Amino acid sequence: MTEATRGPMTLDELEDAAARPAPPAYPAITRAERAHGRRLAAIHDMYRAELDGVARLLSQIRARVAQPGELAPALAGTQLARNMAMFGTACGRDCALLQNHHDIEEQWMFPALSSAGGAALAPVIARLMAEHRLIHALIGDLHQAAEALVADPGAAAFARCAEGFAALDRAIRSHFGYEETVLEEPLGALRVPI
């Protein structure tokens, strides 16, 4: 059954390591090629730092050191949200013409990998794109929860925000870990620029 016939991927499905395809082996990969493939992790580290910042802000709101109204602007101002805005979900509205991380991967890096790596990488790339769709939906959900928290800064709205953030944090960290692992060798061995 395809994603279109069964619905979008769930967070539990995203984290299912057994369902994640492995890339082909590149036994002749050099140290320099492997180092090149690791550059993707450095890019992801920027997003991880933003997640850490949102987690700190949620803790401050929980401790009543910060106000709930600070969350929505903080989320909207992250590079993560700006990057996802192109998909019309991160801001709760269409924000056209923003180049973003997943767009770069899907429009440039993945086609380059597909061209150089052939059918052996196709299942990996399809999986990564399905994970992107779930992450975009989770970002949209979190933004809506943050806006609701601004409108009604009560405990229920805060709990919804905290739950939305926890789901997004899990999804992104799991996705990044998988993506970095499965693309490290192909990016280097196939000499795909990052």
Protein backbone atom coordinates (compact mmCIF):
# COMPACT_ATOMS: atom_id res chain seq x y z
CA MET A 1 0.00 0.00 0.00
CA THR A 2 1.36 3.43 -0.89
CA GLU A 3 1.29 6.59 1.21
CA ALA A 4 -1.45 7.98 -1.05
CA THR A 5 -3.75 5.00 -0.43
CA ARG A 6 -3.13 4.58 3.31
CA GLY A 7 -2.55 8.18 4.37
CA PRO A 8 0.57 9.99 5.52
CA MET A 9 3.31 8.44 7.59
CA THR A 10 2.92 8.55 11.36
CA LEU A 11 5.62 9.49 13.86
CA ASP A 12 5.94 5.87 14.97
CA GLU A 13 6.36 4.80 11.34
CA LEU A 14 9.02 7.47 10.82
CA GLU A 15 10.98 6.13 13.78
CA ASP A 16 10.70 2.49 12.67
CA ALA A 17 14.32 1.69 11.90
CA ALA A 18 13.41 -1.65 10.32
CA ALA A 19 11.26 0.12 7.71
CA ARG A 20 14.02 2.48 6.68
CA PRO A 21 15.84 1.29 3.56
CA ALA A 22 19.61 1.06 3.58
CA PRO A 23 21.79 2.54 0.85
CA PRO A 24 24.08 0.41 -1.27
CA ALA A 25 27.61 -0.16 0.03
CA TYR A 26 30.48 1.93 -1.24
CA PRO A 27 33.50 -0.19 -0.22
CA ALA A 28 36.04 1.99 -2.07
CA ILE A 29 34.98 5.22 -0.36
CA THR A 30 37.91 7.36 0.73
CA ARG A 31 38.33 9.30 3.96
CA ALA A 32 37.92 12.58 2.07
CA GLU A 33 34.70 11.36 0.42
CA ARG A 34 33.34 10.22 3.77
CA ALA A 35 34.21 13.60 5.30
CA HIS A 36 32.35 15.31 2.47
CA GLY A 37 29.26 13.21 3.21
CA ARG A 38 29.41 14.23 6.86
CA ARG A 39 28.90 17.89 5.92
CA LEU A 40 25.15 17.26 5.87
CA ALA A 41 25.30 16.68 9.64
CA ALA A 42 26.90 20.11 10.11
CA ILE A 43 23.94 21.70 8.33
CA HIS A 44 21.53 19.71 10.46
CA ASP A 45 23.32 20.85 13.62
CA MET A 46 21.97 24.37 13.01
CA TYR A 47 18.42 23.04 13.13
CA ARG A 48 19.16 20.95 16.20
CA ALA A 49 20.38 24.10 17.96
CA GLU A 50 17.10 25.83 17.11
CA LEU A 51 15.16 22.88 18.54
CA ASP A 52 17.21 23.19 21.72
CA GLY A 53 16.29 26.90 21.89
CA VAL A 54 12.57 26.19 21.53
CA ALA A 55 12.85 23.51 24.23
CA ARG A 56 14.47 26.07 26.55
CA LEU A 57 11.70 28.57 25.85
CA LEU A 58 9.03 25.94 26.59
CA SER A 59 10.80 25.20 29.89
CA GLN A 60 10.87 28.91 30.71
CA ILE A 61 7.15 29.22 29.98
CA ARG A 62 6.46 26.15 32.13
CA ALA A 63 8.49 27.76 34.94
CA ARG A 64 6.67 31.08 34.38
CA VAL A 65 9.94 32.83 33.55
CA ALA A 66 8.68 33.60 30.02
CA GLN A 67 5.21 34.37 28.73
CA PRO A 68 3.23 32.00 26.45
CA GLY A 69 2.92 34.80 23.90
CA GLU A 70 6.67 34.60 23.26
CA LEU A 71 6.42 31.12 21.73
CA ALA A 72 4.65 31.78 18.42
CA PRO A 73 7.02 34.59 17.32
CA ALA A 74 10.00 32.52 18.42
CA LEU A 75 8.81 29.55 16.36
CA ALA A 76 8.03 31.68 13.33
CA GLY A 77 11.47 33.28 13.54
CA THR A 78 13.45 30.06 13.47
CA GLN A 79 15.27 29.11 10.29
CA LEU A 80 13.43 25.80 10.52
CA ALA A 81 10.04 27.51 10.27
CA ARG A 82 11.19 29.90 7.55
CA ASN A 83 12.51 26.99 5.54
CA MET A 84 9.28 25.05 5.87
CA ALA A 85 7.15 28.11 5.05
CA MET A 86 7.48 27.41 1.36
CA PHE A 87 5.22 24.42 1.87
CA GLY A 88 2.44 26.62 3.29
CA THR A 89 2.34 24.88 6.65
CA ALA A 90 5.02 26.36 8.86
CA CYS A 91 3.42 29.81 9.05
CA GLY A 92 -0.17 28.66 8.69
CA ARG A 93 -0.21 30.55 5.37
CA ASP A 94 1.55 30.34 2.04
CA CYS A 95 4.92 32.06 2.17
CA ALA A 96 6.22 31.74 -1.37
CA LEU A 97 9.72 32.16 -2.76
CA LEU A 98 11.67 31.00 0.26
CA GLN A 99 14.40 28.53 -0.49
CA ASN A 100 14.60 25.91 2.20
CA HIS A 101 16.63 22.97 3.31
CA HIS A 102 14.25 20.23 2.25
CA ASP A 103 13.58 21.99 -1.03
CA ILE A 104 17.31 21.96 -1.75
CA GLU A 105 17.45 18.27 -0.92
CA GLU A 106 14.37 17.34 -2.94
CA GLN A 107 14.97 19.58 -5.94
CA TRP A 108 18.71 19.34 -6.24
CA MET A 109 20.54 16.89 -4.00
CA PHE A 110 18.12 13.95 -4.30
CA PRO A 111 17.93 14.14 -8.12
CA ALA A 112 21.74 14.31 -8.26
CA LEU A 113 21.95 11.25 -6.00
CA SER A 114 19.32 9.44 -8.07
CA SER A 115 21.13 10.21 -11.28
CA ALA A 116 24.52 9.09 -10.00
CA GLY A 117 23.32 6.27 -7.73
CA GLY A 118 20.58 4.80 -9.89
CA ALA A 119 17.82 2.53 -8.69
CA ALA A 120 19.83 1.39 -5.67
CA LEU A 121 19.20 4.73 -3.92
CA ALA A 122 15.56 5.13 -5.02
CA PRO A 123 14.02 3.48 -1.91
CA VAL A 124 16.18 5.62 0.40
CA ILE A 125 15.23 8.84 -1.36
CA ALA A 126 11.52 7.94 -1.43
CA ARG A 127 11.65 7.25 2.30
CA LEU A 128 13.41 10.54 3.05
CA MET A 129 10.79 12.45 1.06
CA ALA A 130 7.95 10.73 2.95
CA GLU A 131 9.64 11.71 6.22
CA HIS A 132 9.89 15.31 4.97
CA ARG A 133 6.12 15.38 4.44
CA LEU A 134 5.46 14.26 8.01
CA ILE A 135 7.90 16.84 9.39
CA HIS A 136 6.19 19.60 7.39
CA ALA A 137 2.82 18.57 8.83
CA LEU A 138 4.22 18.51 12.38
CA ILE A 139 5.67 22.00 11.96
CA GLY A 140 2.27 23.24 10.80
CA ASP A 141 0.59 21.58 13.77
CA LEU A 142 3.07 23.15 16.19
CA HIS A 143 2.62 26.60 14.71
CA GLN A 144 -1.16 26.31 15.05
CA ALA A 145 -0.76 25.18 18.65
CA ALA A 146 1.54 28.15 19.34
CA GLU A 147 -0.99 30.56 17.84
CA ALA A 148 -3.73 29.01 20.00
CA LEU A 149 -1.50 29.46 23.04
CA VAL A 150 -1.15 33.16 22.24
CA ALA A 151 -4.95 33.48 22.01
CA ASP A 152 -5.56 31.50 25.20
CA PRO A 153 -2.45 31.08 27.38
CA GLY A 154 -4.03 28.39 29.55
CA ALA A 155 -2.67 25.05 30.65
CA ALA A 156 -4.48 23.05 27.94
CA ALA A 157 -3.11 25.21 25.13
CA PHE A 158 0.38 25.03 26.61
CA ALA A 159 0.14 21.24 26.89
CA ARG A 160 -0.88 21.03 23.22
CA CYS A 161 2.17 23.14 22.30
CA ALA A 162 4.50 21.06 24.41
CA GLU A 163 3.15 17.82 22.91
CA GLY A 164 3.43 19.22 19.39
CA PHE A 165 6.99 20.28 19.99
CA ALA A 166 7.92 16.91 21.49
CA ALA A 167 6.56 15.13 18.41
CA LEU A 168 8.38 17.48 16.03
CA ASP A 169 11.62 17.22 18.00
CA ARG A 170 11.46 13.40 17.91
CA ALA A 171 10.68 13.37 14.19
CA ILE A 172 13.41 15.79 13.17
CA ARG A 173 16.13 14.22 15.30
CA SER A 174 15.23 10.74 14.09
CA HIS A 175 15.00 11.88 10.47
CA PHE A 176 18.30 13.75 10.60
CA GLY A 177 20.05 10.77 12.15
CA TYR A 178 18.75 8.45 9.45
CA GLU A 179 19.44 10.88 6.63
CA GLU A 180 22.98 11.57 7.79
CA THR A 181 23.70 7.85 8.10
CA VAL A 182 22.26 6.72 4.77
CA LEU A 183 23.57 9.65 2.73
CA GLU A 184 27.07 9.98 4.18
CA GLU A 185 28.68 7.48 1.82
CA PRO A 186 26.55 8.16 -1.29
CA LEU A 187 27.14 11.92 -1.07
CA GLY A 188 30.89 11.39 -0.86
CA ALA A 189 31.38 8.41 -3.15
CA LEU A 190 29.11 9.86 -5.85
CA ARG A 191 30.66 13.31 -5.41
CA VAL A 192 27.34 15.08 -4.96
CA PRO A 193 27.96 18.63 -3.71
CA ILE A 194 26.28 19.65 -0.47
